[in-house]
Amino acid sequence: MPNSEANELRALRAWSEVPAFDDAAAEAAFWLRHSLDPKLMNASIPKSDARESATVTLRFDPRMLARIKRVARSRYLNYQSMIKQWLAERLEKEG
């Protein structure tokens, strides 16, 4: 009989725990053993009324923006939402 602990998924608590994958097979093998912590999916982005949000303009080096977009695509996220998530996480750490 298989060990039940061996069948349990390890919950990832930070996006940084997700490695870069060499190919789809490596990614599939990883996700067979890991899952995302539900809190990570809701990532403490404050819920706000659209009227309360402000538009800002940021200038990025094109290579940096390309990297950000690649990371977002690999996580199935919109890159702007991911940037907001990163900022919210950092602000939470700052206290």
Protein backbone atom coordinates (compact mmCIF):
# COMPACT_ATOMS: atom_id res chain seq x y z
CA MET A 1 0.00 0.00 0.00
CA PRO A 2 1.48 3.41 -0.96
CA ASN A 3 2.52 5.83 1.76
CA SER A 4 -0.15 8.57 2.04
CA GLU A 5 2.52 11.20 2.80
CA ALA A 6 4.23 10.40 -0.51
CA ASN A 7 0.96 11.17 -2.29
CA GLU A 8 0.45 14.55 -0.61
CA LEU A 9 1.16 17.67 -2.62
CA ARG A 10 3.60 20.23 -1.27
CA ALA A 11 1.87 23.61 -1.19
CA LEU A 12 3.95 26.48 -2.54
CA ARG A 13 3.64 29.66 -0.50
CA ALA A 14 5.52 32.02 -2.85
CA TRP A 15 5.74 32.39 -6.62
CA SER A 16 9.53 32.33 -6.27
CA GLU A 17 9.28 28.64 -5.35
CA VAL A 18 8.13 27.83 -8.91
CA PRO A 19 11.28 27.04 -10.91
CA ALA A 20 11.97 27.70 -14.57
CA PHE A 21 11.25 24.53 -16.52
CA ASP A 22 13.35 23.10 -19.35
CA ASP A 23 10.33 21.56 -21.04
CA ALA A 24 6.66 20.65 -20.58
CA ALA A 25 7.53 17.20 -19.19
CA ALA A 26 9.60 18.75 -16.38
CA GLU A 27 6.79 21.17 -15.59
CA ALA A 28 4.20 18.36 -15.56
CA ALA A 29 6.38 16.30 -13.20
CA PHE A 30 6.77 19.29 -10.88
CA TRP A 31 3.02 19.97 -10.67
CA LEU A 32 2.34 16.29 -9.88
CA ARG A 33 4.16 16.89 -6.58
CA HIS A 34 3.28 20.51 -5.87
CA SER A 35 0.24 22.76 -5.56
CA LEU A 36 -0.34 26.45 -4.94
CA ASP A 37 -1.34 27.65 -1.50
CA PRO A 38 -4.84 29.15 -1.87
CA LYS A 39 -3.61 32.36 -0.20
CA LEU A 40 -1.09 32.75 -3.01
CA MET A 41 -3.84 32.81 -5.59
CA ASN A 42 -5.54 35.72 -3.75
CA ALA A 43 -2.19 37.42 -3.03
CA SER A 44 -3.35 40.23 -0.79
CA ILE A 45 -4.19 42.61 -3.61
CA PRO A 46 -6.61 44.97 -1.95
CA LYS A 47 -10.10 44.81 -3.36
CA SER A 48 -11.07 48.30 -4.37
CA ASP A 49 -13.68 50.07 -6.34
CA ALA A 50 -12.39 51.01 -9.80
CA ARG A 51 -13.17 54.64 -8.99
CA GLU A 52 -10.59 54.44 -6.19
CA SER A 53 -7.74 53.38 -8.45
CA ALA A 54 -5.29 55.77 -10.02
CA THR A 55 -3.54 55.41 -13.35
CA VAL A 56 0.25 55.71 -13.29
CA THR A 57 2.86 55.59 -16.00
CA LEU A 58 6.09 53.67 -15.47
CA ARG A 59 8.96 53.48 -17.90
CA PHE A 60 10.76 50.12 -18.13
CA ASP A 61 13.81 49.06 -20.00
CA PRO A 62 12.39 47.01 -22.91
CA ARG A 63 14.39 43.93 -21.87
CA MET A 64 13.06 44.13 -18.31
CA LEU A 65 9.50 44.50 -19.54
CA ALA A 66 9.97 41.49 -21.83
CA ARG A 67 11.20 39.44 -18.87
CA ILE A 68 8.24 40.56 -16.74
CA LYS A 69 5.82 39.57 -19.51
CA ARG A 70 7.54 36.17 -19.89
CA VAL A 71 7.25 35.49 -16.17
CA ALA A 72 3.59 36.53 -16.18
CA ARG A 73 2.81 34.29 -19.16
CA SER A 74 4.49 31.34 -17.46
CA ARG A 75 2.15 31.89 -14.49
CA TYR A 76 -0.91 32.48 -16.67
CA LEU A 77 -1.26 36.04 -15.39
CA ASN A 78 -1.70 39.43 -16.98
CA TYR A 79 1.65 41.20 -16.57
CA GLN A 80 0.07 44.36 -15.13
CA SER A 81 -1.85 42.33 -12.55
CA MET A 82 1.33 40.48 -11.64
CA ILE A 83 3.20 43.77 -11.12
CA LYS A 84 0.37 44.98 -8.84
CA GLN A 85 0.54 41.68 -6.97
CA TRP A 86 4.31 42.04 -6.50
CA LEU A 87 3.89 45.58 -5.22
CA ALA A 88 1.13 44.55 -2.81
CA GLU A 89 3.27 41.69 -1.47
CA ARG A 90 6.24 44.00 -0.98
CA LEU A 91 4.13 46.62 0.79
CA GLU A 92 2.80 43.94 3.11
CA LYS A 93 6.37 42.91 3.98
CA GLU A 94 7.32 46.53 4.66
CA GLY A 95 4.57 46.69 7.26
